Amino acid sequence: MTNNLLFDFIVDKKNNTMTIKREFAAKRKLVWDCYTKSELLDQWFAPKPLKTRTKHMDFREGGYWHYVMVTPDGEEYWGRTDYQTITPIDNYTALDGFSDESGVINSELPRSKWDVTFTDASEHSIVRTVVSFGSTEELEKVIEMGMQAGMTSTLERLDELLQTLTK
């Protein structure tokens, strides 16, 4: 990560939210593509050293992304993101949660709503993600599961990918 890029990670237990505000050294359209196209998501959307593979991607309102994060020793963590609203290159909202290989949501782990907004910042762009949970207990569970470290590593991978795409 370039050290001078904005990165805020704010936990608000009163409102059961996490707000992740991150600057990227790339134009908004390219960053949008990295968040919304499976061939790009597969290159960055997992903390190191995990790899992501898309099983299904239908980026539209009512569509979903079903993917797996795989550890170097082959352990799999399945996820599903159900898209609710989409305003191209500006914002999307989605429900996100862990699932099984067939896409059934794991009801024993927290499911959250993601509100992801993309804005211009000169030659850079800023992504603001507000992750909302149904309760403080759900929020605390994902914090205990390592959400902040995982997102930090994941977003650093996006930095690395963007460097290769903007050359």
N, C-alpha and C. Protein backbone atom coordinates (compact mmCIF):
# COMPACT_ATOMS: atom_id res chain seq x y z
N MET A 1 0.84 -1.19 0.00
CA MET A 1 0.00 0.00 0.00
C MET A 1 0.88 1.24 0.00
N THR A 2 0.50 2.22 -0.75
CA THR A 2 1.19 3.49 -0.71
C THR A 2 0.81 4.16 0.60
N ASN A 3 1.81 4.51 1.40
CA ASN A 3 1.57 4.97 2.77
C ASN A 3 0.72 6.22 2.89
N ASN A 4 0.68 7.04 1.87
CA ASN A 4 -0.06 8.29 1.98
C ASN A 4 -1.52 8.19 1.52
N LEU A 5 -2.01 6.99 1.26
CA LEU A 5 -3.40 6.83 0.86
C LEU A 5 -4.29 6.72 2.10
N LEU A 6 -5.44 7.36 2.04
CA LEU A 6 -6.39 7.35 3.14
C LEU A 6 -6.88 5.94 3.44
N PHE A 7 -6.91 5.60 4.72
CA PHE A 7 -7.51 4.33 5.16
C PHE A 7 -8.09 4.53 6.55
N ASP A 8 -9.41 4.55 6.64
CA ASP A 8 -10.11 4.64 7.92
C ASP A 8 -10.91 3.37 8.13
N PHE A 9 -10.89 2.85 9.34
CA PHE A 9 -11.70 1.69 9.71
C PHE A 9 -12.34 2.05 11.04
N ILE A 10 -13.64 2.36 11.00
CA ILE A 10 -14.34 2.87 12.18
C ILE A 10 -15.45 1.91 12.58
N VAL A 11 -15.40 1.47 13.83
CA VAL A 11 -16.44 0.60 14.38
C VAL A 11 -17.37 1.46 15.22
N ASP A 12 -18.67 1.36 14.94
CA ASP A 12 -19.69 2.11 15.67
C ASP A 12 -20.67 1.11 16.30
N LYS A 13 -20.41 0.77 17.57
CA LYS A 13 -21.24 -0.24 18.24
C LYS A 13 -22.65 0.28 18.54
N LYS A 14 -22.79 1.59 18.64
CA LYS A 14 -24.12 2.17 18.88
C LYS A 14 -25.06 1.88 17.70
N ASN A 15 -24.51 1.96 16.48
CA ASN A 15 -25.32 1.74 15.28
C ASN A 15 -25.04 0.39 14.60
N ASN A 16 -24.21 -0.44 15.23
CA ASN A 16 -23.86 -1.77 14.70
C ASN A 16 -23.30 -1.71 13.28
N THR A 17 -22.36 -0.77 13.07
CA THR A 17 -21.77 -0.60 11.74
C THR A 17 -20.24 -0.57 11.82
N MET A 18 -19.65 -0.86 10.67
CA MET A 18 -18.24 -0.62 10.41
C MET A 18 -18.20 0.26 9.18
N THR A 19 -17.39 1.28 9.22
CA THR A 19 -17.20 2.12 8.04
C THR A 19 -15.75 2.02 7.62
N ILE A 20 -15.55 1.59 6.39
CA ILE A 20 -14.21 1.44 5.83
C ILE A 20 -14.10 2.45 4.70
N LYS A 21 -13.22 3.41 4.86
CA LYS A 21 -13.02 4.44 3.85
C LYS A 21 -11.60 4.29 3.34
N ARG A 22 -11.47 4.07 2.04
CA ARG A 22 -10.16 3.72 1.47
C ARG A 22 -9.93 4.46 0.17
N GLU A 23 -8.76 5.06 0.06
CA GLU A 23 -8.34 5.75 -1.16
C GLU A 23 -7.50 4.80 -2.00
N PHE A 24 -7.69 4.88 -3.32
CA PHE A 24 -6.92 4.06 -4.26
C PHE A 24 -6.30 4.96 -5.32
N ALA A 25 -5.08 4.62 -5.73
CA ALA A 25 -4.35 5.40 -6.73
C ALA A 25 -4.77 4.96 -8.13
N ALA A 26 -6.06 5.16 -8.42
CA ALA A 26 -6.61 4.80 -9.73
C ALA A 26 -7.92 5.55 -9.92
N LYS A 27 -8.32 5.66 -11.16
CA LYS A 27 -9.60 6.31 -11.48
C LYS A 27 -10.77 5.46 -10.98
N ARG A 28 -11.86 6.16 -10.68
CA ARG A 28 -13.05 5.51 -10.11
C ARG A 28 -13.58 4.39 -10.98
N LYS A 29 -13.63 4.54 -12.28
CA LYS A 29 -14.18 3.50 -13.16
C LYS A 29 -13.40 2.20 -13.04
N LEU A 30 -12.08 2.29 -12.98
CA LEU A 30 -11.26 1.09 -12.84
C LEU A 30 -11.49 0.43 -11.48
N VAL A 31 -11.57 1.22 -10.43
CA VAL A 31 -11.82 0.67 -9.09
C VAL A 31 -13.21 0.02 -9.06
N TRP A 32 -14.19 0.66 -9.66
CA TRP A 32 -15.54 0.09 -9.77
C TRP A 32 -15.48 -1.28 -10.45
N ASP A 33 -14.76 -1.34 -11.57
CA ASP A 33 -14.63 -2.62 -12.29
C ASP A 33 -14.00 -3.69 -11.40
N CYS A 34 -13.01 -3.31 -10.61
CA CYS A 34 -12.35 -4.27 -9.72
C CYS A 34 -13.31 -4.82 -8.66
N TYR A 35 -14.30 -4.04 -8.27
CA TYR A 35 -15.29 -4.46 -7.28
C TYR A 35 -16.46 -5.22 -7.90
N THR A 36 -16.64 -5.12 -9.20
CA THR A 36 -17.89 -5.63 -9.79
C THR A 36 -17.70 -6.66 -10.90
N LYS A 37 -16.49 -6.98 -11.28
CA LYS A 37 -16.24 -7.97 -12.33
C LYS A 37 -15.49 -9.15 -11.73
N SER A 38 -16.03 -10.34 -11.90
CA SER A 38 -15.47 -11.52 -11.25
C SER A 38 -14.02 -11.79 -11.66
N GLU A 39 -13.67 -11.53 -12.91
CA GLU A 39 -12.30 -11.81 -13.34
C GLU A 39 -11.29 -10.91 -12.61
N LEU A 40 -11.74 -9.75 -12.14
CA LEU A 40 -10.88 -8.87 -11.35
C LEU A 40 -11.00 -9.19 -9.86
N LEU A 41 -12.21 -9.42 -9.37
CA LEU A 41 -12.39 -9.80 -7.97
C LEU A 41 -11.56 -11.03 -7.61
N ASP A 42 -11.50 -11.98 -8.51
CA ASP A 42 -10.73 -13.21 -8.25
C ASP A 42 -9.24 -12.93 -8.04
N GLN A 43 -8.77 -11.77 -8.46
CA GLN A 43 -7.35 -11.45 -8.33
C GLN A 43 -7.01 -10.73 -7.03
N TRP A 44 -8.05 -10.27 -6.27
CA TRP A 44 -7.71 -9.51 -5.06
C TRP A 44 -8.62 -9.74 -3.87
N PHE A 45 -9.81 -10.27 -4.03
CA PHE A 45 -10.78 -10.26 -2.94
C PHE A 45 -10.57 -11.42 -1.97
N ALA A 46 -9.51 -11.35 -1.20
CA ALA A 46 -9.24 -12.28 -0.09
C ALA A 46 -7.96 -11.82 0.59
N PRO A 47 -7.90 -11.97 1.90
CA PRO A 47 -6.64 -11.62 2.56
C PRO A 47 -5.54 -12.61 2.18
N LYS A 48 -4.30 -12.12 2.13
CA LYS A 48 -3.17 -13.00 1.83
C LYS A 48 -3.08 -14.06 2.92
N PRO A 49 -2.77 -15.29 2.59
CA PRO A 49 -2.37 -15.85 1.30
C PRO A 49 -3.53 -16.55 0.58
N LEU A 50 -4.79 -16.27 0.96
CA LEU A 50 -5.93 -16.93 0.33
C LEU A 50 -6.10 -16.50 -1.11
N LYS A 51 -6.74 -17.34 -1.89
CA LYS A 51 -7.09 -17.05 -3.29
C LYS A 51 -8.60 -17.13 -3.42
N THR A 52 -9.17 -16.34 -4.31
CA THR A 52 -10.61 -16.34 -4.54
C THR A 52 -10.92 -16.92 -5.91
N ARG A 53 -11.98 -17.73 -5.95
CA ARG A 53 -12.50 -18.27 -7.22
C ARG A 53 -14.00 -18.02 -7.25
N THR A 54 -14.47 -17.46 -8.34
CA THR A 54 -15.90 -17.22 -8.52
C THR A 54 -16.57 -18.48 -9.04
N LYS A 55 -17.68 -18.83 -8.41
CA LYS A 55 -18.51 -19.93 -8.93
C LYS A 55 -19.63 -19.35 -9.80
N HIS A 56 -20.19 -18.20 -9.38
CA HIS A 56 -21.29 -17.57 -10.12
C HIS A 56 -21.22 -16.06 -9.91
N MET A 57 -21.39 -15.30 -10.99
CA MET A 57 -21.45 -13.84 -10.88
C MET A 57 -22.54 -13.33 -11.81
N ASP A 58 -23.45 -12.57 -11.21
CA ASP A 58 -24.51 -11.90 -11.96
C ASP A 58 -24.67 -10.53 -11.31
N PHE A 59 -23.84 -9.57 -11.76
CA PHE A 59 -23.84 -8.25 -11.17
C PHE A 59 -24.98 -7.42 -11.75
N ARG A 60 -26.11 -7.52 -11.10
CA ARG A 60 -27.30 -6.73 -11.43
C ARG A 60 -28.17 -6.72 -10.18
N GLU A 61 -29.12 -5.80 -10.12
CA GLU A 61 -30.05 -5.79 -9.00
C GLU A 61 -30.81 -7.11 -9.00
N GLY A 62 -30.77 -7.80 -7.87
CA GLY A 62 -31.39 -9.12 -7.76
C GLY A 62 -30.44 -10.26 -8.09
N GLY A 63 -29.25 -9.94 -8.62
CA GLY A 63 -28.25 -10.95 -8.92
C GLY A 63 -27.36 -11.21 -7.72
N TYR A 64 -26.39 -12.10 -7.90
CA TYR A 64 -25.49 -12.39 -6.78
C TYR A 64 -24.13 -12.87 -7.27
N TRP A 65 -23.18 -12.79 -6.34
CA TRP A 65 -21.83 -13.29 -6.54
C TRP A 65 -21.62 -14.42 -5.53
N HIS A 66 -21.30 -15.61 -6.02
CA HIS A 66 -21.02 -16.76 -5.16
C HIS A 66 -19.57 -17.14 -5.41
N TYR A 67 -18.78 -17.17 -4.34
CA TYR A 67 -17.34 -17.34 -4.49
C TYR A 67 -16.79 -18.17 -3.33
N VAL A 68 -15.55 -18.59 -3.49
CA VAL A 68 -14.85 -19.32 -2.44
C VAL A 68 -13.47 -18.70 -2.25
N MET A 69 -13.07 -18.56 -0.99
CA MET A 69 -11.70 -18.18 -0.65
C MET A 69 -11.00 -19.46 -0.20
N VAL A 70 -9.84 -19.73 -0.79
CA VAL A 70 -9.14 -20.99 -0.55
C VAL A 70 -7.76 -20.72 0.06
N THR A 71 -7.47 -21.44 1.15
CA THR A 71 -6.17 -21.32 1.79
C THR A 71 -5.13 -22.11 0.98
N PRO A 72 -3.85 -21.86 1.21
CA PRO A 72 -2.82 -22.62 0.49
C PRO A 72 -2.92 -24.14 0.69
N ASP A 73 -3.47 -24.58 1.84
CA ASP A 73 -3.61 -26.02 2.06
C ASP A 73 -4.97 -26.56 1.62
N GLY A 74 -5.75 -25.73 0.92
CA GLY A 74 -7.00 -26.20 0.31
C GLY A 74 -8.26 -26.02 1.12
N GLU A 75 -8.17 -25.42 2.31
CA GLU A 75 -9.38 -25.17 3.10
C GLU A 75 -10.22 -24.10 2.40
N GLU A 76 -11.54 -24.31 2.36
CA GLU A 76 -12.42 -23.40 1.61
C GLU A 76 -13.37 -22.64 2.54
N TYR A 77 -13.55 -21.36 2.22
CA TYR A 77 -14.51 -20.49 2.90
C TYR A 77 -15.41 -19.88 1.83
N TRP A 78 -16.66 -20.34 1.79
CA TRP A 78 -17.61 -19.89 0.77
C TRP A 78 -18.33 -18.64 1.21
N GLY A 79 -18.65 -17.76 0.25
CA GLY A 79 -19.39 -16.55 0.52
C GLY A 79 -20.39 -16.26 -0.58
N ARG A 80 -21.38 -15.45 -0.22
CA ARG A 80 -22.39 -15.06 -1.19
C ARG A 80 -22.76 -13.60 -0.94
N THR A 81 -22.77 -12.83 -2.02
CA THR A 81 -23.15 -11.42 -1.99
C THR A 81 -24.36 -11.24 -2.90
N ASP A 82 -25.48 -10.83 -2.31
CA ASP A 82 -26.72 -10.61 -3.06
C ASP A 82 -26.90 -9.11 -3.31
N TYR A 83 -26.86 -8.72 -4.59
CA TYR A 83 -26.93 -7.30 -4.95
C TYR A 83 -28.36 -6.80 -4.86
N GLN A 84 -28.53 -5.68 -4.15
CA GLN A 84 -29.86 -5.08 -3.99
C GLN A 84 -30.08 -3.88 -4.90
N THR A 85 -29.18 -2.90 -4.83
CA THR A 85 -29.30 -1.71 -5.68
C THR A 85 -27.95 -1.45 -6.35
N ILE A 86 -28.01 -0.92 -7.56
CA ILE A 86 -26.79 -0.59 -8.30
C ILE A 86 -26.98 0.72 -9.04
N THR A 87 -26.08 1.67 -8.80
CA THR A 87 -25.98 2.91 -9.57
C THR A 87 -24.57 2.91 -10.15
N PRO A 88 -24.43 2.53 -11.43
CA PRO A 88 -23.11 2.31 -12.00
C PRO A 88 -22.09 3.42 -11.74
N ILE A 89 -20.94 2.99 -11.39
CA ILE A 89 -19.71 3.64 -10.95
C ILE A 89 -19.87 4.58 -9.76
N ASP A 90 -21.06 4.62 -9.14
CA ASP A 90 -21.29 5.45 -7.96
C ASP A 90 -21.51 4.63 -6.69
N ASN A 91 -22.37 3.62 -6.75
CA ASN A 91 -22.78 2.95 -5.52
C ASN A 91 -23.46 1.61 -5.81
N TYR A 92 -23.32 0.69 -4.88
CA TYR A 92 -24.18 -0.49 -4.86
C TYR A 92 -24.41 -0.89 -3.41
N THR A 93 -25.52 -1.58 -3.18
CA THR A 93 -25.80 -2.15 -1.87
C THR A 93 -26.01 -3.64 -2.07
N ALA A 94 -25.65 -4.39 -1.02
CA ALA A 94 -25.73 -5.84 -1.12
C ALA A 94 -25.83 -6.46 0.26
N LEU A 95 -26.37 -7.67 0.31
CA LEU A 95 -26.33 -8.48 1.52
C LEU A 95 -25.19 -9.46 1.35
N ASP A 96 -24.34 -9.56 2.38
CA ASP A 96 -23.15 -10.39 2.30
C ASP A 96 -23.14 -11.38 3.46
N GLY A 97 -22.73 -12.62 3.15
CA GLY A 97 -22.64 -13.60 4.22
C GLY A 97 -21.87 -14.82 3.79
N PHE A 98 -21.52 -15.63 4.78
CA PHE A 98 -20.88 -16.91 4.50
C PHE A 98 -21.95 -17.87 4.00
N SER A 99 -21.54 -18.78 3.14
CA SER A 99 -22.49 -19.74 2.58
C SER A 99 -21.82 -21.10 2.50
N ASP A 100 -22.56 -22.05 1.94
CA ASP A 100 -21.94 -23.33 1.63
C ASP A 100 -21.65 -23.36 0.13
N GLU A 101 -21.13 -24.48 -0.33
CA GLU A 101 -20.72 -24.60 -1.74
C GLU A 101 -21.89 -24.43 -2.71
N SER A 102 -23.11 -24.71 -2.25
CA SER A 102 -24.27 -24.57 -3.12
C SER A 102 -24.89 -23.17 -3.05
N GLY A 103 -24.35 -22.29 -2.20
CA GLY A 103 -24.84 -20.92 -2.13
C GLY A 103 -25.84 -20.66 -1.02
N VAL A 104 -26.14 -21.67 -0.19
CA VAL A 104 -27.07 -21.49 0.93
C VAL A 104 -26.35 -20.73 2.04
N ILE A 105 -26.95 -19.63 2.50
CA ILE A 105 -26.35 -18.79 3.53
C ILE A 105 -26.23 -19.55 4.84
N ASN A 106 -25.09 -19.41 5.51
CA ASN A 106 -24.85 -20.01 6.82
C ASN A 106 -25.50 -19.12 7.87
N SER A 107 -26.63 -19.55 8.42
CA SER A 107 -27.39 -18.73 9.36
C SER A 107 -26.72 -18.64 10.74
N GLU A 108 -25.68 -19.43 10.98
CA GLU A 108 -24.99 -19.39 12.26
C GLU A 108 -23.91 -18.30 12.31
N LEU A 109 -23.59 -17.73 11.16
CA LEU A 109 -22.63 -16.64 11.10
C LEU A 109 -23.33 -15.36 10.68
N PRO A 110 -22.82 -14.21 11.11
CA PRO A 110 -23.50 -12.93 10.80
C PRO A 110 -23.59 -12.66 9.30
N ARG A 111 -24.73 -12.12 8.91
CA ARG A 111 -24.93 -11.61 7.56
C ARG A 111 -25.02 -10.10 7.69
N SER A 112 -24.49 -9.38 6.74
CA SER A 112 -24.44 -7.93 6.84
C SER A 112 -24.90 -7.28 5.55
N LYS A 113 -25.28 -6.00 5.68
CA LYS A 113 -25.62 -5.20 4.50
C LYS A 113 -24.42 -4.30 4.21
N TRP A 114 -24.01 -4.29 2.95
CA TRP A 114 -22.90 -3.45 2.52
C TRP A 114 -23.44 -2.33 1.64
N ASP A 115 -23.05 -1.11 1.95
CA ASP A 115 -23.39 0.07 1.16
C ASP A 115 -22.04 0.64 0.69
N VAL A 116 -21.75 0.45 -0.59
CA VAL A 116 -20.42 0.76 -1.13
C VAL A 116 -20.53 1.93 -2.09
N THR A 117 -19.82 3.03 -1.77
CA THR A 117 -19.89 4.26 -2.56
C THR A 117 -18.51 4.61 -3.11
N PHE A 118 -18.48 4.97 -4.39
CA PHE A 118 -17.25 5.29 -5.11
C PHE A 118 -17.27 6.77 -5.47
N THR A 119 -16.20 7.50 -5.12
CA THR A 119 -16.12 8.92 -5.46
C THR A 119 -14.73 9.24 -6.02
N ASP A 120 -14.68 10.35 -6.77
CA ASP A 120 -13.41 10.82 -7.32
C ASP A 120 -12.66 11.61 -6.26
N ALA A 121 -11.32 11.51 -6.32
CA ALA A 121 -10.44 12.31 -5.47
C ALA A 121 -9.22 12.67 -6.31
N SER A 122 -9.39 13.70 -7.14
CA SER A 122 -8.35 14.10 -8.08
C SER A 122 -8.04 12.93 -9.02
N GLU A 123 -6.79 12.48 -9.07
CA GLU A 123 -6.41 11.36 -9.93
C GLU A 123 -6.69 10.01 -9.25
N HIS A 124 -7.15 10.07 -8.03
CA HIS A 124 -7.44 8.86 -7.24
C HIS A 124 -8.94 8.68 -7.10
N SER A 125 -9.32 7.68 -6.35
CA SER A 125 -10.72 7.48 -6.02
C SER A 125 -10.82 7.00 -4.57
N ILE A 126 -12.00 7.19 -4.00
CA ILE A 126 -12.25 6.78 -2.62
C ILE A 126 -13.46 5.85 -2.63
N VAL A 127 -13.30 4.73 -1.92
CA VAL A 127 -14.40 3.80 -1.72
C VAL A 127 -14.78 3.85 -0.25
N ARG A 128 -16.04 4.15 -0.01
CA ARG A 128 -16.57 4.18 1.37
C ARG A 128 -17.56 3.04 1.49
N THR A 129 -17.26 2.11 2.38
CA THR A 129 -18.10 0.94 2.59
C THR A 129 -18.65 0.98 4.01
N VAL A 130 -19.98 1.02 4.11
CA VAL A 130 -20.62 0.95 5.42
C VAL A 130 -21.23 -0.44 5.52
N VAL A 131 -20.75 -1.19 6.51
CA VAL A 131 -21.21 -2.55 6.74
C VAL A 131 -22.10 -2.53 7.98
N SER A 132 -23.38 -2.90 7.79
CA SER A 132 -24.37 -2.85 8.88
C SER A 132 -24.73 -4.25 9.33
N PHE A 133 -24.83 -4.42 10.64
CA PHE A 133 -25.17 -5.71 11.24
C PHE A 133 -26.47 -5.60 12.00
N GLY A 134 -27.11 -6.73 12.22
CA GLY A 134 -28.40 -6.77 12.91
C GLY A 134 -28.31 -6.55 14.40
N SER A 135 -27.10 -6.71 14.98
CA SER A 135 -26.95 -6.56 16.43
C SER A 135 -25.49 -6.26 16.76
N THR A 136 -25.27 -5.77 17.96
CA THR A 136 -23.91 -5.54 18.43
C THR A 136 -23.16 -6.86 18.53
N GLU A 137 -23.86 -7.93 18.90
CA GLU A 137 -23.21 -9.25 19.01
C GLU A 137 -22.67 -9.70 17.66
N GLU A 138 -23.44 -9.48 16.58
CA GLU A 138 -22.97 -9.86 15.24
C GLU A 138 -21.75 -9.04 14.86
N LEU A 139 -21.79 -7.74 15.13
CA LEU A 139 -20.66 -6.86 14.84
C LEU A 139 -19.42 -7.33 15.59
N GLU A 140 -19.58 -7.61 16.89
CA GLU A 140 -18.45 -8.06 17.70
C GLU A 140 -17.90 -9.40 17.20
N LYS A 141 -18.77 -10.27 16.72
CA LYS A 141 -18.32 -11.58 16.21
C LYS A 141 -17.40 -11.42 15.01
N VAL A 142 -17.77 -10.55 14.05
CA VAL A 142 -16.90 -10.39 12.88
C VAL A 142 -15.61 -9.66 13.23
N ILE A 143 -15.65 -8.81 14.24
CA ILE A 143 -14.42 -8.17 14.71
C ILE A 143 -13.51 -9.25 15.29
N GLU A 144 -14.07 -10.14 16.10
CA GLU A 144 -13.29 -11.24 16.68
C GLU A 144 -12.76 -12.18 15.60
N MET A 145 -13.49 -12.32 14.50
CA MET A 145 -13.07 -13.19 13.40
C MET A 145 -11.93 -12.56 12.58
N GLY A 146 -11.58 -11.31 12.88
CA GLY A 146 -10.45 -10.68 12.21
C GLY A 146 -10.80 -9.81 11.02
N MET A 147 -11.99 -9.23 11.03
CA MET A 147 -12.45 -8.42 9.89
C MET A 147 -11.49 -7.28 9.55
N GLN A 148 -10.98 -6.57 10.56
CA GLN A 148 -10.12 -5.42 10.25
C GLN A 148 -8.82 -5.87 9.59
N ALA A 149 -8.16 -6.87 10.14
CA ALA A 149 -6.91 -7.35 9.54
C ALA A 149 -7.18 -7.95 8.15
N GLY A 150 -8.28 -8.67 8.02
CA GLY A 150 -8.63 -9.27 6.73
C GLY A 150 -8.89 -8.23 5.67
N MET A 151 -9.66 -7.19 6.02
CA MET A 151 -9.94 -6.12 5.04
C MET A 151 -8.69 -5.34 4.70
N THR A 152 -7.83 -5.10 5.69
CA THR A 152 -6.58 -4.38 5.42
C THR A 152 -5.75 -5.14 4.40
N SER A 153 -5.57 -6.44 4.61
CA SER A 153 -4.79 -7.27 3.68
C SER A 153 -5.45 -7.33 2.31
N THR A 154 -6.77 -7.49 2.29
CA THR A 154 -7.51 -7.58 1.03
C THR A 154 -7.37 -6.30 0.22
N LEU A 155 -7.52 -5.15 0.87
CA LEU A 155 -7.44 -3.88 0.15
C LEU A 155 -6.01 -3.59 -0.31
N GLU A 156 -5.01 -4.08 0.42
CA GLU A 156 -3.63 -3.96 -0.06
C GLU A 156 -3.43 -4.76 -1.33
N ARG A 157 -4.11 -5.91 -1.43
CA ARG A 157 -4.03 -6.69 -2.67
C ARG A 157 -4.65 -5.93 -3.83
N LEU A 158 -5.73 -5.19 -3.55
CA LEU A 158 -6.33 -4.37 -4.61
C LEU A 158 -5.33 -3.28 -5.04
N ASP A 159 -4.63 -2.68 -4.09
CA ASP A 159 -3.59 -1.70 -4.46
C ASP A 159 -2.60 -2.32 -5.44
N GLU A 160 -2.15 -3.54 -5.12
CA GLU A 160 -1.16 -4.22 -5.96
C GLU A 160 -1.72 -4.48 -7.36
N LEU A 161 -2.97 -4.93 -7.42
CA LEU A 161 -3.60 -5.18 -8.73
C LEU A 161 -3.72 -3.88 -9.51
N LEU A 162 -4.18 -2.82 -8.87
CA LEU A 162 -4.35 -1.54 -9.56
C LEU A 162 -3.02 -1.03 -10.12
N GLN A 163 -1.93 -1.26 -9.41
CA GLN A 163 -0.61 -0.85 -9.93
C GLN A 163 -0.31 -1.54 -11.25
N THR A 164 -0.70 -2.81 -11.38
CA THR A 164 -0.44 -3.54 -12.63
C THR A 164 -1.39 -3.10 -13.73
N LEU A 165 -2.60 -2.68 -13.36
CA LEU A 165 -3.61 -2.30 -14.37
C LEU A 165 -3.46 -0.88 -14.86
N THR A 166 -2.75 -0.03 -14.12
CA THR A 166 -2.62 1.38 -14.50
C THR A 166 -1.28 1.70 -15.16
N LYS A 167 -0.47 0.68 -15.39
CA LYS A 167 0.83 0.92 -16.04
C LYS A 167 0.68 1.08 -17.52
